[in-house]
Amino acid sequence: MVKIAIIGSKGFIGKHIEWYLRQRGEKEIFTYDCVDSNELNYRKVDLSSEESVHTIDVNFLLDLRVLLLGSIK
């Protein structure tokens, strides 16, 4: 199973990407944004702070071609 990170998950695009991936049955989705939230697998991150950015787990495989083009049939 692939781990997926969504940075900016509380924004318009991030919310819809997360919804789409959950509809596809993806289980390991980790979300990041600059607002507080109690959601599972969510971490508050300030992208203007280098220290905060280093808390993002970079062990993710993200292929936007599969994400964006995989739904076109």
N, C-alpha and C. Protein backbone atom coordinates (compact mmCIF):
# COMPACT_ATOMS: atom_id res chain seq x y z
N MET A 1 0.84 -1.18 0.00
CA MET A 1 0.00 0.00 0.00
C MET A 1 0.89 1.24 0.00
N VAL A 2 0.46 2.25 -0.69
CA VAL A 2 1.22 3.49 -0.84
C VAL A 2 0.78 4.50 0.22
N LYS A 3 1.77 5.17 0.83
CA LYS A 3 1.47 6.27 1.75
C LYS A 3 1.35 7.54 0.93
N ILE A 4 0.33 8.33 1.20
CA ILE A 4 0.07 9.55 0.43
C ILE A 4 0.06 10.74 1.38
N ALA A 5 0.79 11.80 1.01
CA ALA A 5 0.79 13.05 1.77
C ALA A 5 0.08 14.11 0.96
N ILE A 6 -0.81 14.84 1.63
CA ILE A 6 -1.48 15.97 1.00
C ILE A 6 -1.11 17.21 1.81
N ILE A 7 -0.31 18.07 1.20
CA ILE A 7 0.09 19.31 1.87
C ILE A 7 -0.85 20.40 1.38
N GLY A 8 -1.51 21.06 2.33
CA GLY A 8 -2.55 22.02 1.98
C GLY A 8 -3.91 21.34 1.97
N SER A 9 -4.09 20.39 2.86
CA SER A 9 -5.29 19.55 2.84
C SER A 9 -6.58 20.26 3.24
N LYS A 10 -6.49 21.43 3.81
CA LYS A 10 -7.70 22.16 4.21
C LYS A 10 -8.14 23.15 3.14
N GLY A 11 -7.37 23.30 2.08
CA GLY A 11 -7.73 24.19 0.98
C GLY A 11 -8.70 23.51 0.03
N PHE A 12 -9.13 24.25 -0.96
CA PHE A 12 -10.13 23.76 -1.92
C PHE A 12 -9.65 22.51 -2.65
N ILE A 13 -8.47 22.58 -3.22
CA ILE A 13 -7.95 21.44 -3.99
C ILE A 13 -7.61 20.28 -3.06
N GLY A 14 -6.93 20.57 -1.95
CA GLY A 14 -6.54 19.53 -1.02
C GLY A 14 -7.71 18.74 -0.48
N LYS A 15 -8.80 19.43 -0.12
CA LYS A 15 -9.99 18.73 0.39
C LYS A 15 -10.55 17.79 -0.65
N HIS A 16 -10.58 18.23 -1.89
CA HIS A 16 -11.16 17.40 -2.95
C HIS A 16 -10.25 16.23 -3.32
N ILE A 17 -8.95 16.44 -3.28
CA ILE A 17 -8.03 15.34 -3.53
C ILE A 17 -8.17 14.29 -2.43
N GLU A 18 -8.25 14.73 -1.18
CA GLU A 18 -8.41 13.78 -0.08
C GLU A 18 -9.71 13.00 -0.23
N TRP A 19 -10.81 13.68 -0.54
CA TRP A 19 -12.09 13.01 -0.74
C TRP A 19 -12.00 11.97 -1.85
N TYR A 20 -11.39 12.37 -2.97
CA TYR A 20 -11.26 11.47 -4.12
C TYR A 20 -10.46 10.22 -3.75
N LEU A 21 -9.34 10.40 -3.06
CA LEU A 21 -8.51 9.27 -2.69
C LEU A 21 -9.22 8.34 -1.72
N ARG A 22 -9.98 8.91 -0.79
CA ARG A 22 -10.73 8.06 0.15
C ARG A 22 -11.83 7.28 -0.58
N GLN A 23 -12.44 7.89 -1.59
CA GLN A 23 -13.44 7.19 -2.40
C GLN A 23 -12.82 6.02 -3.16
N ARG A 24 -11.56 6.17 -3.55
CA ARG A 24 -10.83 5.10 -4.24
C ARG A 24 -10.39 4.00 -3.30
N GLY A 25 -10.55 4.22 -2.00
CA GLY A 25 -10.20 3.20 -1.02
C GLY A 25 -8.80 3.32 -0.44
N GLU A 26 -8.13 4.43 -0.70
CA GLU A 26 -6.80 4.63 -0.14
C GLU A 26 -6.90 4.74 1.37
N LYS A 27 -6.02 4.06 2.08
CA LYS A 27 -6.08 4.01 3.55
C LYS A 27 -5.02 4.88 4.22
N GLU A 28 -3.83 4.94 3.66
CA GLU A 28 -2.72 5.66 4.31
C GLU A 28 -2.58 7.06 3.72
N ILE A 29 -3.48 7.96 4.14
CA ILE A 29 -3.45 9.34 3.69
C ILE A 29 -3.06 10.21 4.89
N PHE A 30 -2.00 10.97 4.73
CA PHE A 30 -1.52 11.86 5.78
C PHE A 30 -1.68 13.29 5.28
N THR A 31 -2.33 14.12 6.09
CA THR A 31 -2.66 15.47 5.64
C THR A 31 -1.93 16.52 6.48
N TYR A 32 -1.57 17.61 5.81
CA TYR A 32 -0.82 18.70 6.43
C TYR A 32 -1.43 20.03 6.00
N ASP A 33 -1.53 20.95 6.94
CA ASP A 33 -1.96 22.31 6.64
C ASP A 33 -1.60 23.21 7.81
N CYS A 34 -1.92 24.49 7.71
CA CYS A 34 -1.50 25.46 8.73
C CYS A 34 -2.58 25.76 9.77
N VAL A 35 -3.67 25.03 9.75
CA VAL A 35 -4.74 25.25 10.73
C VAL A 35 -4.82 24.07 11.69
N ASP A 36 -5.41 24.29 12.86
CA ASP A 36 -5.57 23.23 13.84
C ASP A 36 -6.67 22.27 13.41
N SER A 37 -6.46 20.99 13.71
CA SER A 37 -7.47 19.97 13.42
C SER A 37 -7.18 18.75 14.28
N ASN A 38 -8.23 18.03 14.64
CA ASN A 38 -8.09 16.82 15.44
C ASN A 38 -8.20 15.56 14.59
N GLU A 39 -8.15 15.69 13.28
CA GLU A 39 -8.32 14.55 12.40
C GLU A 39 -7.17 13.57 12.54
N LEU A 40 -7.47 12.30 12.30
CA LEU A 40 -6.47 11.25 12.31
C LEU A 40 -5.47 11.49 11.17
N ASN A 41 -4.20 11.26 11.43
CA ASN A 41 -3.13 11.41 10.43
C ASN A 41 -3.01 12.84 9.90
N TYR A 42 -3.32 13.82 10.73
CA TYR A 42 -3.19 15.24 10.35
C TYR A 42 -2.11 15.87 11.21
N ARG A 43 -1.32 16.75 10.58
CA ARG A 43 -0.31 17.49 11.33
C ARG A 43 -0.34 18.95 10.87
N LYS A 44 -0.31 19.84 11.84
CA LYS A 44 -0.25 21.26 11.52
C LYS A 44 1.18 21.60 11.11
N VAL A 45 1.32 22.26 9.95
CA VAL A 45 2.63 22.62 9.42
C VAL A 45 2.57 24.04 8.88
N ASP A 46 3.56 24.83 9.23
CA ASP A 46 3.69 26.19 8.71
C ASP A 46 4.78 26.17 7.64
N LEU A 47 4.40 26.28 6.38
CA LEU A 47 5.37 26.18 5.29
C LEU A 47 6.36 27.34 5.25
N SER A 48 6.09 28.40 6.01
CA SER A 48 7.05 29.51 6.05
C SER A 48 8.11 29.30 7.12
N SER A 49 8.01 28.20 7.87
CA SER A 49 8.97 27.88 8.92
C SER A 49 9.76 26.63 8.53
N GLU A 50 11.06 26.78 8.37
CA GLU A 50 11.90 25.64 7.99
C GLU A 50 11.82 24.53 9.02
N GLU A 51 11.79 24.88 10.28
CA GLU A 51 11.70 23.88 11.35
C GLU A 51 10.40 23.09 11.24
N SER A 52 9.32 23.77 10.97
CA SER A 52 8.02 23.11 10.83
C SER A 52 7.98 22.20 9.60
N VAL A 53 8.57 22.65 8.51
CA VAL A 53 8.59 21.86 7.27
C VAL A 53 9.35 20.56 7.48
N HIS A 54 10.36 20.57 8.31
CA HIS A 54 11.14 19.36 8.55
C HIS A 54 10.34 18.29 9.31
N THR A 55 9.20 18.64 9.84
CA THR A 55 8.36 17.63 10.52
C THR A 55 7.52 16.82 9.53
N ILE A 56 7.50 17.22 8.26
CA ILE A 56 6.75 16.47 7.26
C ILE A 56 7.49 15.17 6.95
N ASP A 57 6.79 14.06 7.00
CA ASP A 57 7.37 12.76 6.67
C ASP A 57 7.61 12.72 5.17
N VAL A 58 8.86 12.65 4.76
CA VAL A 58 9.19 12.70 3.34
C VAL A 58 9.28 11.31 2.71
N ASN A 59 8.90 10.29 3.43
CA ASN A 59 8.95 8.93 2.90
C ASN A 59 7.66 8.58 2.19
N PHE A 60 7.28 9.42 1.25
CA PHE A 60 6.04 9.22 0.50
C PHE A 60 6.36 9.07 -0.98
N LEU A 61 5.58 8.24 -1.64
CA LEU A 61 5.65 8.12 -3.09
C LEU A 61 4.41 8.81 -3.63
N LEU A 62 4.59 9.85 -4.41
CA LEU A 62 3.46 10.59 -4.93
C LEU A 62 3.62 10.72 -6.44
N ASP A 63 2.71 10.16 -7.16
CA ASP A 63 2.74 10.23 -8.61
C ASP A 63 1.47 10.92 -9.07
N LEU A 64 1.57 12.22 -9.36
CA LEU A 64 0.39 12.99 -9.73
C LEU A 64 -0.20 12.52 -11.05
N ARG A 65 0.61 11.91 -11.91
CA ARG A 65 0.07 11.41 -13.16
C ARG A 65 -0.97 10.33 -12.90
N VAL A 66 -0.71 9.44 -11.96
CA VAL A 66 -1.67 8.40 -11.62
C VAL A 66 -2.89 9.02 -10.96
N LEU A 67 -2.65 9.96 -10.07
CA LEU A 67 -3.75 10.61 -9.36
C LEU A 67 -4.65 11.37 -10.31
N LEU A 68 -4.08 12.17 -11.19
CA LEU A 68 -4.88 13.03 -12.03
C LEU A 68 -5.35 12.35 -13.31
N LEU A 69 -4.51 11.53 -13.91
CA LEU A 69 -4.86 10.90 -15.16
C LEU A 69 -5.52 9.54 -14.97
N GLY A 70 -5.35 8.96 -13.78
CA GLY A 70 -5.93 7.65 -13.54
C GLY A 70 -7.45 7.65 -13.56
N SER A 71 -8.07 8.80 -13.35
CA SER A 71 -9.53 8.86 -13.34
C SER A 71 -10.10 9.12 -14.71
N ILE A 72 -9.25 9.40 -15.71
CA ILE A 72 -9.73 9.67 -17.06
C ILE A 72 -9.75 8.36 -17.84
N LYS A 73 -10.91 7.96 -18.26
CA LYS A 73 -11.02 6.69 -19.00
C LYS A 73 -11.89 6.85 -20.19
